[in-house]
């Protein structure tokens, strides 16, 4: 099932608002996790087209 582009755009905007809200409230974010998140995103970007 594919979502329309407008729905994906709205979801991305809500994600940004959510993250900004977390940072503005002072929620602790462990920045040492960023390298593993980037690595996972990189691997997912390579593998995802083959899984669709």
N, C-alpha and C. Protein backbone atom coordinates (compact mmCIF):
# COMPACT_ATOMS: atom_id res chain seq x y z
N UNK A 1 0.84 -1.17 0.00
CA UNK A 1 0.00 0.00 0.00
C UNK A 1 0.89 1.24 0.00
N UNK A 2 0.67 2.11 -0.94
CA UNK A 2 1.44 3.34 -1.02
C UNK A 2 0.59 4.52 -0.59
N UNK A 3 1.21 5.40 0.18
CA UNK A 3 0.52 6.60 0.62
C UNK A 3 0.70 7.70 -0.41
N UNK A 4 -0.30 8.54 -0.58
CA UNK A 4 -0.14 9.67 -1.50
C UNK A 4 0.96 10.61 -1.02
N UNK A 5 1.54 11.33 -1.97
CA UNK A 5 2.64 12.24 -1.65
C UNK A 5 2.23 13.28 -0.63
N UNK A 6 1.01 13.80 -0.73
CA UNK A 6 0.58 14.84 0.21
C UNK A 6 0.51 14.30 1.63
N UNK A 7 0.12 13.04 1.79
CA UNK A 7 0.07 12.43 3.11
C UNK A 7 1.48 12.26 3.67
N UNK A 8 2.40 11.83 2.83
CA UNK A 8 3.79 11.67 3.28
C UNK A 8 4.39 13.00 3.68
N UNK A 9 4.07 14.05 2.94
CA UNK A 9 4.58 15.37 3.26
C UNK A 9 4.04 15.85 4.61
N UNK A 10 2.75 15.58 4.87
CA UNK A 10 2.16 15.96 6.15
C UNK A 10 2.81 15.18 7.29
N UNK A 11 3.06 13.90 7.07
CA UNK A 11 3.69 13.09 8.11
C UNK A 11 5.10 13.58 8.41
N UNK A 12 5.84 13.96 7.38
CA UNK A 12 7.19 14.47 7.58
C UNK A 12 7.15 15.78 8.37
N UNK A 13 6.18 16.63 8.08
CA UNK A 13 6.04 17.88 8.80
C UNK A 13 5.71 17.63 10.27
N UNK A 14 4.83 16.66 10.51
CA UNK A 14 4.48 16.32 11.90
C UNK A 14 5.69 15.76 12.64
N UNK A 15 6.53 14.99 11.95
CA UNK A 15 7.75 14.47 12.58
C UNK A 15 8.66 15.61 13.02
N UNK A 16 8.81 16.61 12.16
CA UNK A 16 9.66 17.75 12.49
C UNK A 16 9.09 18.50 13.69
N UNK A 17 7.78 18.71 13.71
CA UNK A 17 7.14 19.41 14.83
C UNK A 17 7.34 18.60 16.11
N UNK A 18 7.20 17.30 16.03
CA UNK A 18 7.37 16.43 17.21
C UNK A 18 8.79 16.53 17.77
N UNK A 19 9.79 16.47 16.90
CA UNK A 19 11.18 16.53 17.35
C UNK A 19 11.49 17.90 17.94
N UNK A 20 11.02 18.96 17.31
CA UNK A 20 11.24 20.30 17.85
C UNK A 20 10.56 20.43 19.21
N UNK A 21 9.38 19.85 19.35
CA UNK A 21 8.69 19.86 20.63
C UNK A 21 9.47 19.13 21.71
N UNK A 22 10.05 18.00 21.36
CA UNK A 22 10.87 17.26 22.33
C UNK A 22 12.07 18.08 22.78
N UNK A 23 12.75 18.70 21.82
CA UNK A 23 13.92 19.50 22.17
C UNK A 23 13.54 20.72 22.99
N UNK A 24 12.41 21.34 22.67
CA UNK A 24 12.02 22.55 23.39
C UNK A 24 11.60 22.25 24.83
N UNK A 25 11.12 21.05 25.09
CA UNK A 25 10.74 20.67 26.44
C UNK A 25 11.92 20.16 27.26
N UNK A 26 13.06 20.03 26.63
CA UNK A 26 14.25 19.63 27.36
C UNK A 26 14.40 18.13 27.54
N UNK A 27 13.82 17.36 26.63
CA UNK A 27 13.96 15.90 26.71
C UNK A 27 15.40 15.55 26.36
N UNK A 28 16.02 14.73 27.18
CA UNK A 28 17.41 14.35 26.95
C UNK A 28 17.51 13.42 25.74
N UNK A 29 18.39 13.76 24.83
CA UNK A 29 18.63 12.96 23.64
C UNK A 29 20.08 12.49 23.69
N UNK A 30 20.27 11.20 23.59
CA UNK A 30 21.62 10.63 23.65
C UNK A 30 22.27 10.76 22.28
N UNK A 31 23.17 11.73 22.14
CA UNK A 31 23.79 12.00 20.84
C UNK A 31 24.78 10.93 20.42
N UNK A 32 25.17 10.05 21.34
CA UNK A 32 26.08 8.97 20.94
C UNK A 32 25.37 7.93 20.07
N UNK A 33 24.05 7.99 20.00
CA UNK A 33 23.31 7.06 19.15
C UNK A 33 23.26 7.52 17.70
N UNK A 34 23.61 8.76 17.43
CA UNK A 34 23.50 9.28 16.06
C UNK A 34 24.31 8.48 15.03
N UNK A 35 25.55 8.08 15.31
CA UNK A 35 26.27 7.30 14.29
C UNK A 35 25.55 6.00 13.91
N UNK A 36 24.97 5.32 14.89
CA UNK A 36 24.27 4.08 14.57
C UNK A 36 22.98 4.36 13.80
N UNK A 37 22.33 5.49 14.09
CA UNK A 37 21.12 5.85 13.35
C UNK A 37 21.48 6.17 11.90
N UNK A 38 22.56 6.92 11.69
CA UNK A 38 22.99 7.24 10.32
C UNK A 38 23.38 5.98 9.57
N UNK A 39 24.10 5.08 10.24
CA UNK A 39 24.51 3.84 9.59
C UNK A 39 23.30 3.00 9.21
N UNK A 40 22.33 2.90 10.14
CA UNK A 40 21.12 2.14 9.86
C UNK A 40 20.33 2.75 8.72
N UNK A 41 20.25 4.07 8.68
CA UNK A 41 19.55 4.75 7.59
C UNK A 41 20.24 4.54 6.26
N UNK A 42 21.56 4.53 6.27
CA UNK A 42 22.32 4.30 5.05
C UNK A 42 22.08 2.90 4.51
N UNK A 43 22.14 1.92 5.39
CA UNK A 43 21.92 0.53 4.99
C UNK A 43 20.48 0.35 4.50
N UNK A 44 19.52 0.96 5.20
CA UNK A 44 18.12 0.86 4.80
C UNK A 44 17.89 1.50 3.43
N UNK A 45 18.58 2.61 3.15
CA UNK A 45 18.41 3.27 1.85
C UNK A 45 18.94 2.40 0.73
N UNK A 46 19.94 1.59 1.00
CA UNK A 46 20.48 0.71 -0.04
C UNK A 46 19.60 -0.52 -0.22
N UNK A 47 19.13 -1.08 0.88
CA UNK A 47 18.39 -2.36 0.84
C UNK A 47 16.93 -2.17 0.46
N UNK A 48 16.32 -1.05 0.87
CA UNK A 48 14.87 -0.84 0.70
C UNK A 48 14.36 -1.00 -0.73
N UNK A 49 15.05 -0.46 -1.75
CA UNK A 49 14.51 -0.62 -3.10
C UNK A 49 14.39 -2.08 -3.54
N UNK A 50 15.20 -2.94 -3.01
CA UNK A 50 15.16 -4.35 -3.38
C UNK A 50 14.06 -5.10 -2.63
N UNK A 51 13.55 -4.53 -1.55
CA UNK A 51 12.51 -5.18 -0.77
C UNK A 51 11.10 -4.79 -1.20
N UNK A 52 10.99 -3.78 -2.07
CA UNK A 52 9.67 -3.32 -2.50
C UNK A 52 9.18 -4.17 -3.66
